[in-house]
Amino acid sequence: MYDRTELCKRLNNQSWKFAKTMPYMPHFHVWFDRWTSSDDFKYCVHAVSEFGKWEFCMIEPRHYFYDDGWRYWWLNGRNGCPIVINRERITIRSPKPIPDKFKDMAYHVPNWVPKR
């Protein structure tokens, strides 16, 4: 259903903004309402989940998609709906083993995204 080449194209077509409020964790982001289209955002959320590796890099495991020296991941808002896709250079941090308390965690990928 999703195509890796198409995912990379859609990710590369975005205007990524540096997260200057988080200098301790240098990364870039695009909020859902800043994407070229809501369809592109939804496609990328689902495709990152499909092609991403289940890893632990920050506070909980999530799907991380790797392409051309970048690591991509998405985050949910308070309502459980994806609100942002982030990226960072893979040299910033390395994945760690998934802690036991998360081993059985199922990561739900919603079938909807916020409305603009």
N, C-alpha and C. Protein backbone atom coordinates (compact mmCIF):
# COMPACT_ATOMS: atom_id res chain seq x y z
N MET A 1 0.82 -1.20 0.00
CA MET A 1 0.00 0.00 0.00
C MET A 1 0.87 1.27 0.00
N TYR A 2 1.98 1.23 0.73
CA TYR A 2 2.88 2.38 0.76
C TYR A 2 4.17 2.03 0.04
N ASP A 3 4.79 3.06 -0.51
CA ASP A 3 5.99 2.88 -1.30
C ASP A 3 7.13 3.66 -0.65
N ARG A 4 8.25 3.00 -0.44
CA ARG A 4 9.40 3.62 0.23
C ARG A 4 9.92 4.83 -0.56
N THR A 5 10.00 4.71 -1.87
CA THR A 5 10.47 5.82 -2.70
C THR A 5 9.52 7.01 -2.60
N GLU A 6 8.24 6.74 -2.61
CA GLU A 6 7.24 7.80 -2.48
C GLU A 6 7.33 8.47 -1.10
N LEU A 7 7.55 7.67 -0.06
CA LEU A 7 7.72 8.22 1.28
C LEU A 7 8.90 9.19 1.30
N CYS A 8 10.03 8.77 0.77
CA CYS A 8 11.23 9.62 0.75
C CYS A 8 10.97 10.91 -0.03
N LYS A 9 10.28 10.80 -1.13
CA LYS A 9 9.94 11.98 -1.94
C LYS A 9 9.09 12.96 -1.14
N ARG A 10 8.07 12.45 -0.48
CA ARG A 10 7.18 13.33 0.29
C ARG A 10 7.91 13.95 1.47
N LEU A 11 8.76 13.18 2.14
CA LEU A 11 9.53 13.74 3.26
C LEU A 11 10.49 14.83 2.77
N ASN A 12 11.13 14.59 1.65
CA ASN A 12 12.10 15.55 1.13
C ASN A 12 11.46 16.81 0.57
N ASN A 13 10.16 16.76 0.25
CA ASN A 13 9.46 17.92 -0.29
C ASN A 13 8.97 18.89 0.78
N GLN A 14 9.23 18.58 2.05
CA GLN A 14 8.76 19.44 3.13
C GLN A 14 9.78 20.51 3.47
N SER A 15 9.31 21.57 4.10
CA SER A 15 10.18 22.62 4.61
C SER A 15 10.39 22.34 6.10
N TRP A 16 11.51 21.75 6.44
CA TRP A 16 11.80 21.35 7.82
C TRP A 16 12.29 22.55 8.61
N LYS A 17 11.79 22.67 9.83
CA LYS A 17 12.16 23.78 10.71
C LYS A 17 12.97 23.24 11.89
N PHE A 18 14.07 23.90 12.19
CA PHE A 18 14.90 23.48 13.33
C PHE A 18 14.15 23.75 14.63
N ALA A 19 14.17 22.79 15.54
CA ALA A 19 13.48 22.91 16.83
C ALA A 19 14.38 23.69 17.80
N LYS A 20 14.39 25.01 17.68
CA LYS A 20 15.34 25.83 18.43
C LYS A 20 15.04 25.87 19.93
N THR A 21 13.84 25.45 20.35
CA THR A 21 13.54 25.42 21.78
C THR A 21 14.09 24.17 22.46
N MET A 22 14.69 23.28 21.67
CA MET A 22 15.24 22.04 22.23
C MET A 22 16.70 21.86 21.80
N PRO A 23 17.60 22.78 22.18
CA PRO A 23 18.99 22.68 21.74
C PRO A 23 19.70 21.43 22.26
N TYR A 24 19.21 20.86 23.35
CA TYR A 24 19.79 19.65 23.93
C TYR A 24 19.45 18.41 23.09
N MET A 25 18.51 18.55 22.17
CA MET A 25 18.10 17.47 21.28
C MET A 25 17.92 18.04 19.88
N PRO A 26 19.02 18.30 19.19
CA PRO A 26 18.91 18.95 17.88
C PRO A 26 18.15 18.11 16.86
N HIS A 27 17.04 18.64 16.40
CA HIS A 27 16.23 17.96 15.40
C HIS A 27 15.38 19.00 14.65
N PHE A 28 14.71 18.54 13.62
CA PHE A 28 13.85 19.37 12.79
C PHE A 28 12.44 18.79 12.84
N HIS A 29 11.46 19.61 12.52
CA HIS A 29 10.07 19.14 12.56
C HIS A 29 9.23 19.84 11.52
N VAL A 30 8.09 19.21 11.21
CA VAL A 30 7.03 19.83 10.42
C VAL A 30 5.71 19.45 11.10
N TRP A 31 5.00 20.45 11.62
CA TRP A 31 3.70 20.21 12.24
C TRP A 31 2.67 19.87 11.17
N PHE A 32 1.63 19.13 11.56
CA PHE A 32 0.64 18.61 10.61
C PHE A 32 0.03 19.71 9.74
N ASP A 33 -0.16 20.90 10.31
CA ASP A 33 -0.81 21.98 9.54
C ASP A 33 0.17 22.76 8.66
N ARG A 34 1.43 22.35 8.65
CA ARG A 34 2.44 23.00 7.81
C ARG A 34 2.86 22.13 6.63
N TRP A 35 2.27 20.93 6.52
CA TRP A 35 2.62 20.03 5.42
C TRP A 35 2.03 20.54 4.12
N THR A 36 2.60 20.10 3.02
CA THR A 36 2.09 20.50 1.71
C THR A 36 0.63 20.12 1.55
N SER A 37 0.22 19.01 2.19
CA SER A 37 -1.19 18.60 2.19
C SER A 37 -1.42 17.65 3.36
N SER A 38 -2.65 17.58 3.81
CA SER A 38 -2.97 16.65 4.90
C SER A 38 -2.83 15.20 4.42
N ASP A 39 -3.06 14.97 3.13
CA ASP A 39 -2.86 13.62 2.58
C ASP A 39 -1.40 13.20 2.65
N ASP A 40 -0.48 14.14 2.37
CA ASP A 40 0.95 13.84 2.48
C ASP A 40 1.33 13.51 3.92
N PHE A 41 0.80 14.29 4.86
CA PHE A 41 1.09 14.05 6.27
C PHE A 41 0.60 12.66 6.69
N LYS A 42 -0.64 12.36 6.36
CA LYS A 42 -1.22 11.06 6.73
C LYS A 42 -0.43 9.92 6.07
N TYR A 43 -0.10 10.07 4.81
CA TYR A 43 0.68 9.05 4.10
C TYR A 43 2.00 8.81 4.83
N CYS A 44 2.70 9.89 5.18
CA CYS A 44 4.01 9.75 5.82
C CYS A 44 3.92 9.13 7.20
N VAL A 45 2.91 9.49 7.98
CA VAL A 45 2.73 8.86 9.30
C VAL A 45 2.60 7.35 9.15
N HIS A 46 1.76 6.92 8.25
CA HIS A 46 1.53 5.49 8.07
C HIS A 46 2.73 4.80 7.44
N ALA A 47 3.38 5.44 6.48
CA ALA A 47 4.53 4.82 5.81
C ALA A 47 5.74 4.75 6.74
N VAL A 48 5.95 5.78 7.58
CA VAL A 48 7.04 5.71 8.57
C VAL A 48 6.80 4.53 9.51
N SER A 49 5.55 4.32 9.87
CA SER A 49 5.22 3.18 10.74
C SER A 49 5.45 1.85 10.03
N GLU A 50 5.12 1.80 8.75
CA GLU A 50 5.27 0.55 8.01
C GLU A 50 6.73 0.21 7.74
N PHE A 51 7.52 1.19 7.33
CA PHE A 51 8.92 0.93 6.95
C PHE A 51 9.90 1.17 8.10
N GLY A 52 9.45 1.79 9.18
CA GLY A 52 10.33 2.13 10.28
C GLY A 52 10.71 0.93 11.13
N LYS A 53 11.81 1.08 11.83
CA LYS A 53 12.28 0.07 12.78
C LYS A 53 11.73 0.40 14.15
N TRP A 54 11.32 -0.62 14.89
CA TRP A 54 10.82 -0.45 16.25
C TRP A 54 12.03 -0.32 17.15
N GLU A 55 12.28 0.91 17.65
CA GLU A 55 13.48 1.18 18.44
C GLU A 55 13.18 2.09 19.61
N PHE A 56 14.13 2.16 20.52
CA PHE A 56 14.04 3.01 21.69
C PHE A 56 15.15 4.04 21.61
N CYS A 57 14.79 5.30 21.34
CA CYS A 57 15.80 6.36 21.25
C CYS A 57 15.58 7.46 22.28
N MET A 58 14.37 7.61 22.77
CA MET A 58 14.10 8.69 23.71
C MET A 58 13.40 8.13 24.94
N ILE A 59 12.13 8.46 25.12
CA ILE A 59 11.42 8.05 26.34
C ILE A 59 10.58 6.79 26.18
N GLU A 60 10.29 6.40 24.95
CA GLU A 60 9.51 5.19 24.71
C GLU A 60 9.84 4.67 23.31
N PRO A 61 9.57 3.39 23.06
CA PRO A 61 9.82 2.88 21.71
C PRO A 61 8.86 3.48 20.70
N ARG A 62 9.33 3.60 19.50
CA ARG A 62 8.49 4.06 18.40
C ARG A 62 9.12 3.61 17.10
N HIS A 63 8.40 3.80 16.01
CA HIS A 63 8.93 3.45 14.69
C HIS A 63 9.82 4.59 14.20
N TYR A 64 11.05 4.22 13.84
CA TYR A 64 12.00 5.19 13.27
C TYR A 64 12.32 4.75 11.85
N PHE A 65 12.15 5.67 10.94
CA PHE A 65 12.45 5.42 9.53
C PHE A 65 13.77 6.10 9.19
N TYR A 66 14.64 5.38 8.49
CA TYR A 66 15.96 5.89 8.14
C TYR A 66 16.08 6.10 6.63
N ASP A 67 16.62 7.26 6.27
CA ASP A 67 16.88 7.54 4.86
C ASP A 67 17.95 8.61 4.74
N ASP A 68 18.97 8.33 3.96
CA ASP A 68 19.99 9.30 3.58
C ASP A 68 20.58 10.05 4.77
N GLY A 69 20.89 9.31 5.83
CA GLY A 69 21.52 9.92 7.00
C GLY A 69 20.57 10.59 7.98
N TRP A 70 19.26 10.46 7.74
CA TRP A 70 18.25 11.04 8.63
C TRP A 70 17.44 9.94 9.31
N ARG A 71 16.98 10.23 10.51
CA ARG A 71 16.05 9.37 11.26
C ARG A 71 14.75 10.17 11.39
N TYR A 72 13.63 9.56 11.00
CA TYR A 72 12.32 10.22 11.05
C TYR A 72 11.42 9.49 12.05
N TRP A 73 10.57 10.24 12.74
CA TRP A 73 9.56 9.66 13.62
C TRP A 73 8.42 10.66 13.79
N TRP A 74 7.27 10.15 14.18
CA TRP A 74 6.12 11.03 14.40
C TRP A 74 5.68 10.92 15.85
N LEU A 75 5.00 11.98 16.30
CA LEU A 75 4.51 12.03 17.69
C LEU A 75 3.02 12.33 17.71
N ASN A 76 2.37 11.77 18.72
CA ASN A 76 0.95 12.03 18.95
C ASN A 76 0.77 13.28 19.80
N GLY A 77 -0.39 13.92 19.62
CA GLY A 77 -0.80 14.99 20.51
C GLY A 77 -1.57 14.41 21.68
N ARG A 78 -2.12 15.26 22.49
CA ARG A 78 -2.86 14.81 23.69
C ARG A 78 -4.08 13.96 23.35
N ASN A 79 -4.64 14.17 22.17
CA ASN A 79 -5.83 13.42 21.78
C ASN A 79 -5.50 12.09 21.11
N GLY A 80 -4.22 11.71 21.10
CA GLY A 80 -3.81 10.45 20.49
C GLY A 80 -3.65 10.51 18.99
N CYS A 81 -3.76 11.68 18.44
CA CYS A 81 -3.69 11.89 17.00
C CYS A 81 -2.29 12.41 16.61
N PRO A 82 -1.68 11.89 15.56
CA PRO A 82 -0.36 12.40 15.14
C PRO A 82 -0.42 13.90 14.83
N ILE A 83 0.56 14.64 15.36
CA ILE A 83 0.57 16.09 15.14
C ILE A 83 1.85 16.61 14.52
N VAL A 84 2.92 15.81 14.53
CA VAL A 84 4.20 16.31 14.02
C VAL A 84 5.06 15.13 13.56
N ILE A 85 5.84 15.38 12.53
CA ILE A 85 6.87 14.43 12.11
C ILE A 85 8.20 15.13 12.33
N ASN A 86 9.12 14.42 12.97
CA ASN A 86 10.45 14.95 13.29
C ASN A 86 11.51 14.23 12.48
N ARG A 87 12.69 14.87 12.40
CA ARG A 87 13.83 14.19 11.84
C ARG A 87 15.10 14.72 12.51
N GLU A 88 16.09 13.85 12.58
CA GLU A 88 17.39 14.23 13.11
C GLU A 88 18.46 13.44 12.37
N ARG A 89 19.68 13.94 12.40
CA ARG A 89 20.80 13.21 11.81
C ARG A 89 21.05 11.97 12.65
N ILE A 90 21.35 10.87 12.00
CA ILE A 90 21.53 9.61 12.73
C ILE A 90 22.75 9.64 13.64
N THR A 91 23.63 10.61 13.46
CA THR A 91 24.81 10.72 14.32
C THR A 91 24.50 11.37 15.66
N ILE A 92 23.30 11.92 15.84
CA ILE A 92 22.93 12.61 17.08
C ILE A 92 22.82 11.65 18.25
N ARG A 93 22.20 10.52 18.07
CA ARG A 93 22.04 9.53 19.15
C ARG A 93 21.92 8.15 18.53
N SER A 94 22.14 7.16 19.35
CA SER A 94 22.02 5.77 18.90
C SER A 94 20.86 5.10 19.63
N PRO A 95 20.15 4.22 18.93
CA PRO A 95 19.08 3.48 19.61
C PRO A 95 19.64 2.64 20.75
N LYS A 96 18.82 2.45 21.77
CA LYS A 96 19.18 1.64 22.93
C LYS A 96 18.29 0.40 22.94
N PRO A 97 18.69 -0.61 23.70
CA PRO A 97 17.80 -1.77 23.84
C PRO A 97 16.45 -1.33 24.44
N ILE A 98 15.37 -1.95 23.98
CA ILE A 98 14.05 -1.60 24.48
C ILE A 98 13.90 -2.14 25.90
N PRO A 99 13.60 -1.25 26.88
CA PRO A 99 13.43 -1.71 28.27
C PRO A 99 12.30 -2.74 28.37
N ASP A 100 12.45 -3.65 29.33
CA ASP A 100 11.47 -4.73 29.51
C ASP A 100 10.04 -4.21 29.66
N LYS A 101 9.86 -3.08 30.33
CA LYS A 101 8.49 -2.59 30.55
C LYS A 101 7.77 -2.23 29.24
N PHE A 102 8.53 -2.09 28.15
CA PHE A 102 7.94 -1.75 26.86
C PHE A 102 7.91 -2.92 25.89
N LYS A 103 8.43 -4.07 26.26
CA LYS A 103 8.58 -5.19 25.32
C LYS A 103 7.27 -5.62 24.66
N ASP A 104 6.17 -5.58 25.40
CA ASP A 104 4.89 -6.03 24.86
C ASP A 104 4.02 -4.89 24.36
N MET A 105 4.58 -3.70 24.28
CA MET A 105 3.81 -2.53 23.88
C MET A 105 3.44 -2.62 22.40
N ALA A 106 2.19 -2.41 22.11
CA ALA A 106 1.74 -2.35 20.72
C ALA A 106 1.60 -0.89 20.36
N TYR A 107 2.25 -0.47 19.31
CA TYR A 107 2.20 0.94 18.93
C TYR A 107 1.09 1.13 17.92
N HIS A 108 0.07 1.82 18.33
CA HIS A 108 -1.12 2.03 17.51
C HIS A 108 -0.88 3.14 16.49
N VAL A 109 -1.18 2.86 15.24
CA VAL A 109 -1.11 3.87 14.19
C VAL A 109 -2.54 4.27 13.85
N PRO A 110 -2.91 5.49 14.18
CA PRO A 110 -4.30 5.91 13.92
C PRO A 110 -4.60 6.00 12.43
N ASN A 111 -5.86 5.88 12.11
CA ASN A 111 -6.25 5.98 10.69
C ASN A 111 -6.83 7.35 10.38
N TRP A 112 -6.53 8.33 11.22
CA TRP A 112 -6.98 9.68 10.97
C TRP A 112 -5.92 10.65 11.49
N VAL A 113 -6.00 11.86 11.01
CA VAL A 113 -5.07 12.91 11.44
C VAL A 113 -5.89 14.17 11.72
N PRO A 114 -5.31 15.14 12.42
CA PRO A 114 -6.08 16.34 12.75
C PRO A 114 -6.54 17.09 11.51
N LYS A 115 -7.59 17.83 11.66
CA LYS A 115 -8.06 18.68 10.56
C LYS A 115 -7.37 20.02 10.67
N ARG A 116 -7.12 20.62 9.55
CA ARG A 116 -6.46 21.94 9.54
C ARG A 116 -7.32 23.00 10.16
